[in-house]
Amino acid sequence: MRLYVSNTKDQIIFLLFDFLLATLLEKEVKLIFNERSYEGTISKIQLDEEEYEYIEFTIGEKAIKFPFVEDSKVRLDKGLFYFETRSNTILIYV
């Protein structure tokens, strides 16, 4: 499934956040954010509820904020979650 976000970002981010929370919370993952790798269990997934600007993943003691903007592209495959903006990329392998 592929999801391309456009001017409906504020509505789409809630669906994506709920899906990620249900699918990835407490899962062992390898997360790569802008070529930096993190491995471990996702203990927390948090949505920026003020401006809906980012989704934050916590692995161990490390919090990784992924900006969620109008040009965000999301690809959800079995075992792979891919998020991309003009300046950021995040891959999550389950």
N, C-alpha and C. Protein backbone atom coordinates (compact mmCIF):
# COMPACT_ATOMS: atom_id res chain seq x y z
N MET A 1 0.85 -1.16 0.00
CA MET A 1 0.00 0.00 0.00
C MET A 1 0.90 1.23 0.00
N ARG A 2 0.55 2.23 -0.77
CA ARG A 2 1.29 3.48 -0.79
C ARG A 2 0.35 4.62 -0.42
N LEU A 3 0.89 5.56 0.32
CA LEU A 3 0.10 6.70 0.75
C LEU A 3 0.91 7.95 0.44
N TYR A 4 0.38 8.83 -0.37
CA TYR A 4 1.02 10.10 -0.67
C TYR A 4 0.19 11.19 -0.03
N VAL A 5 0.82 11.99 0.79
CA VAL A 5 0.11 13.01 1.55
C VAL A 5 0.14 14.32 0.78
N SER A 6 -1.01 14.97 0.70
CA SER A 6 -1.06 16.27 0.03
C SER A 6 -1.69 17.27 0.98
N ASN A 7 -2.64 18.03 0.52
CA ASN A 7 -3.21 19.07 1.35
C ASN A 7 -4.13 18.55 2.45
N THR A 8 -4.26 17.27 2.61
CA THR A 8 -5.09 16.70 3.67
C THR A 8 -4.24 16.16 4.82
N LYS A 9 -3.05 16.71 4.98
CA LYS A 9 -2.10 16.22 5.99
C LYS A 9 -2.74 16.10 7.37
N ASP A 10 -3.48 17.11 7.79
CA ASP A 10 -4.04 17.09 9.14
C ASP A 10 -4.99 15.93 9.38
N GLN A 11 -5.67 15.46 8.35
CA GLN A 11 -6.57 14.32 8.50
C GLN A 11 -5.81 13.00 8.37
N ILE A 12 -4.90 12.92 7.43
CA ILE A 12 -4.16 11.69 7.17
C ILE A 12 -3.25 11.32 8.33
N ILE A 13 -2.64 12.29 8.98
CA ILE A 13 -1.68 11.99 10.03
C ILE A 13 -2.33 11.21 11.17
N PHE A 14 -3.60 11.44 11.46
CA PHE A 14 -4.28 10.69 12.53
C PHE A 14 -4.42 9.22 12.15
N LEU A 15 -4.82 8.95 10.90
CA LEU A 15 -4.94 7.56 10.45
C LEU A 15 -3.59 6.86 10.47
N LEU A 16 -2.56 7.53 9.98
CA LEU A 16 -1.23 6.95 9.95
C LEU A 16 -0.73 6.71 11.37
N PHE A 17 -0.90 7.67 12.25
CA PHE A 17 -0.45 7.53 13.64
C PHE A 17 -1.13 6.34 14.31
N ASP A 18 -2.44 6.22 14.17
CA ASP A 18 -3.16 5.09 14.77
C ASP A 18 -2.67 3.76 14.21
N PHE A 19 -2.42 3.72 12.90
CA PHE A 19 -1.91 2.50 12.27
C PHE A 19 -0.52 2.14 12.81
N LEU A 20 0.37 3.12 12.87
CA LEU A 20 1.72 2.87 13.38
C LEU A 20 1.70 2.44 14.83
N LEU A 21 0.86 3.06 15.63
CA LEU A 21 0.74 2.70 17.04
C LEU A 21 0.29 1.25 17.20
N ALA A 22 -0.70 0.86 16.43
CA ALA A 22 -1.21 -0.51 16.51
C ALA A 22 -0.23 -1.54 15.95
N THR A 23 0.56 -1.15 14.97
CA THR A 23 1.44 -2.08 14.27
C THR A 23 2.84 -2.17 14.85
N LEU A 24 3.41 -1.05 15.29
CA LEU A 24 4.83 -1.02 15.65
C LEU A 24 5.15 -0.94 17.14
N LEU A 25 4.20 -0.52 17.96
CA LEU A 25 4.48 -0.38 19.39
C LEU A 25 4.88 -1.71 20.00
N GLU A 26 5.99 -1.69 20.74
CA GLU A 26 6.56 -2.87 21.41
C GLU A 26 7.10 -3.91 20.43
N LYS A 27 7.39 -3.50 19.21
CA LYS A 27 7.99 -4.41 18.22
C LYS A 27 9.49 -4.17 18.14
N GLU A 28 10.22 -5.23 17.88
CA GLU A 28 11.66 -5.17 17.65
C GLU A 28 11.86 -4.70 16.20
N VAL A 29 12.61 -3.61 16.02
CA VAL A 29 12.77 -3.03 14.69
C VAL A 29 14.22 -2.59 14.46
N LYS A 30 14.49 -2.35 13.20
CA LYS A 30 15.69 -1.62 12.80
C LYS A 30 15.17 -0.37 12.11
N LEU A 31 15.49 0.79 12.66
CA LEU A 31 15.02 2.06 12.14
C LEU A 31 16.22 2.83 11.59
N ILE A 32 16.13 3.29 10.37
CA ILE A 32 17.20 4.07 9.75
C ILE A 32 16.63 5.45 9.44
N PHE A 33 17.22 6.47 10.06
CA PHE A 33 16.78 7.85 9.87
C PHE A 33 17.93 8.66 9.31
N ASN A 34 17.79 9.10 8.05
CA ASN A 34 18.84 9.86 7.37
C ASN A 34 20.20 9.18 7.50
N GLU A 35 20.25 7.89 7.17
CA GLU A 35 21.45 7.05 7.15
C GLU A 35 21.98 6.69 8.53
N ARG A 36 21.31 7.06 9.60
CA ARG A 36 21.71 6.69 10.95
C ARG A 36 20.81 5.55 11.44
N SER A 37 21.43 4.47 11.91
CA SER A 37 20.69 3.27 12.25
C SER A 37 20.44 3.15 13.76
N TYR A 38 19.23 2.71 14.10
CA TYR A 38 18.83 2.45 15.49
C TYR A 38 18.17 1.08 15.51
N GLU A 39 18.55 0.24 16.48
CA GLU A 39 17.92 -1.08 16.61
C GLU A 39 17.41 -1.27 18.02
N GLY A 40 16.24 -1.89 18.12
CA GLY A 40 15.67 -2.17 19.43
C GLY A 40 14.15 -2.21 19.35
N THR A 41 13.54 -2.12 20.51
CA THR A 41 12.09 -2.17 20.62
C THR A 41 11.52 -0.76 20.66
N ILE A 42 10.50 -0.52 19.86
CA ILE A 42 9.82 0.78 19.91
C ILE A 42 8.95 0.80 21.16
N SER A 43 9.33 1.65 22.11
CA SER A 43 8.60 1.71 23.37
C SER A 43 7.54 2.80 23.40
N LYS A 44 7.65 3.74 22.47
CA LYS A 44 6.69 4.85 22.46
C LYS A 44 6.60 5.43 21.05
N ILE A 45 5.38 5.77 20.64
CA ILE A 45 5.14 6.49 19.39
C ILE A 45 4.24 7.66 19.76
N GLN A 46 4.71 8.86 19.44
CA GLN A 46 4.00 10.06 19.88
C GLN A 46 3.74 10.98 18.70
N LEU A 47 2.58 11.59 18.69
CA LEU A 47 2.19 12.54 17.65
C LEU A 47 2.30 13.95 18.21
N ASP A 48 2.85 14.86 17.43
CA ASP A 48 2.84 16.28 17.78
C ASP A 48 1.40 16.75 17.65
N GLU A 49 0.72 16.90 18.78
CA GLU A 49 -0.70 17.20 18.75
C GLU A 49 -1.01 18.69 18.65
N GLU A 50 0.02 19.53 18.69
CA GLU A 50 -0.23 20.97 18.57
C GLU A 50 -0.28 21.40 17.11
N GLU A 51 0.74 21.05 16.34
CA GLU A 51 0.84 21.49 14.96
C GLU A 51 0.81 20.33 13.96
N TYR A 52 0.84 19.09 14.44
CA TYR A 52 0.90 17.90 13.59
C TYR A 52 2.10 17.94 12.66
N GLU A 53 3.24 18.36 13.21
CA GLU A 53 4.45 18.54 12.43
C GLU A 53 5.34 17.29 12.39
N TYR A 54 5.20 16.37 13.35
CA TYR A 54 6.08 15.22 13.40
C TYR A 54 5.43 14.04 14.12
N ILE A 55 6.00 12.88 13.86
CA ILE A 55 5.72 11.67 14.63
C ILE A 55 7.04 11.26 15.26
N GLU A 56 7.03 10.99 16.56
CA GLU A 56 8.25 10.66 17.28
C GLU A 56 8.24 9.18 17.68
N PHE A 57 9.33 8.49 17.35
CA PHE A 57 9.51 7.09 17.72
C PHE A 57 10.56 7.03 18.82
N THR A 58 10.32 6.25 19.86
CA THR A 58 11.31 6.07 20.93
C THR A 58 11.78 4.62 20.91
N ILE A 59 13.09 4.46 20.75
CA ILE A 59 13.74 3.15 20.78
C ILE A 59 14.77 3.21 21.91
N GLY A 60 14.53 2.44 22.96
CA GLY A 60 15.41 2.52 24.13
C GLY A 60 15.32 3.92 24.72
N GLU A 61 16.45 4.59 24.85
CA GLU A 61 16.49 5.95 25.38
C GLU A 61 16.50 7.00 24.28
N LYS A 62 16.51 6.59 23.04
CA LYS A 62 16.65 7.51 21.90
C LYS A 62 15.29 7.84 21.29
N ALA A 63 14.99 9.14 21.16
CA ALA A 63 13.76 9.59 20.51
C ALA A 63 14.12 10.12 19.12
N ILE A 64 13.42 9.64 18.11
CA ILE A 64 13.66 10.04 16.73
C ILE A 64 12.39 10.73 16.22
N LYS A 65 12.51 12.02 15.87
CA LYS A 65 11.37 12.78 15.36
C LYS A 65 11.42 12.80 13.84
N PHE A 66 10.34 12.32 13.25
CA PHE A 66 10.22 12.38 11.79
C PHE A 66 9.24 13.47 11.42
N PRO A 67 9.70 14.50 10.70
CA PRO A 67 8.78 15.57 10.30
C PRO A 67 7.73 15.05 9.32
N PHE A 68 6.52 15.47 9.52
CA PHE A 68 5.41 15.08 8.65
C PHE A 68 4.87 16.35 8.02
N VAL A 69 5.20 16.56 6.75
CA VAL A 69 4.86 17.80 6.07
C VAL A 69 4.00 17.52 4.85
N GLU A 70 3.60 18.57 4.17
CA GLU A 70 2.70 18.43 3.02
C GLU A 70 3.24 17.54 1.91
N ASP A 71 4.57 17.48 1.77
CA ASP A 71 5.14 16.66 0.69
C ASP A 71 5.54 15.26 1.15
N SER A 72 5.09 14.84 2.32
CA SER A 72 5.46 13.52 2.85
C SER A 72 4.94 12.40 1.96
N LYS A 73 5.77 11.39 1.81
CA LYS A 73 5.39 10.18 1.10
C LYS A 73 5.58 9.02 2.05
N VAL A 74 4.62 8.14 2.07
CA VAL A 74 4.65 7.00 2.98
C VAL A 74 4.39 5.74 2.18
N ARG A 75 5.22 4.73 2.39
CA ARG A 75 5.01 3.42 1.76
C ARG A 75 4.97 2.39 2.88
N LEU A 76 3.90 1.63 2.92
CA LEU A 76 3.71 0.62 3.95
C LEU A 76 3.70 -0.74 3.28
N ASP A 77 4.74 -1.52 3.49
CA ASP A 77 4.83 -2.87 2.95
C ASP A 77 4.90 -3.84 4.12
N LYS A 78 4.79 -5.10 3.82
CA LYS A 78 4.92 -6.12 4.85
C LYS A 78 6.37 -6.12 5.34
N GLY A 79 6.56 -5.72 6.57
CA GLY A 79 7.89 -5.73 7.16
C GLY A 79 8.73 -4.51 6.88
N LEU A 80 8.22 -3.54 6.09
CA LEU A 80 8.98 -2.33 5.77
C LEU A 80 8.05 -1.13 5.75
N PHE A 81 8.44 -0.10 6.49
CA PHE A 81 7.72 1.17 6.50
C PHE A 81 8.70 2.24 6.02
N TYR A 82 8.32 3.00 4.99
CA TYR A 82 9.20 3.96 4.35
C TYR A 82 8.53 5.33 4.37
N PHE A 83 9.21 6.32 4.93
CA PHE A 83 8.70 7.68 5.01
C PHE A 83 9.73 8.61 4.36
N GLU A 84 9.25 9.56 3.56
CA GLU A 84 10.18 10.45 2.87
C GLU A 84 9.59 11.85 2.74
N THR A 85 10.46 12.84 2.96
CA THR A 85 10.16 14.23 2.62
C THR A 85 11.31 14.73 1.75
N ARG A 86 11.29 16.00 1.41
CA ARG A 86 12.39 16.53 0.60
C ARG A 86 13.74 16.36 1.27
N SER A 87 13.81 16.47 2.59
CA SER A 87 15.10 16.46 3.26
C SER A 87 15.30 15.33 4.27
N ASN A 88 14.32 14.45 4.45
CA ASN A 88 14.43 13.37 5.43
C ASN A 88 13.90 12.06 4.87
N THR A 89 14.54 10.98 5.30
CA THR A 89 14.07 9.64 4.96
C THR A 89 14.17 8.77 6.20
N ILE A 90 13.14 7.95 6.40
CA ILE A 90 13.17 6.99 7.49
C ILE A 90 12.68 5.65 6.98
N LEU A 91 13.40 4.61 7.31
CA LEU A 91 13.03 3.22 7.00
C LEU A 91 12.88 2.48 8.31
N ILE A 92 11.84 1.70 8.41
CA ILE A 92 11.65 0.85 9.60
C ILE A 92 11.44 -0.56 9.11
N TYR A 93 12.35 -1.45 9.52
CA TYR A 93 12.24 -2.88 9.21
C TYR A 93 11.72 -3.58 10.45
N VAL A 94 10.65 -4.35 10.30
CA VAL A 94 10.08 -5.09 11.42
C VAL A 94 10.55 -6.52 11.34
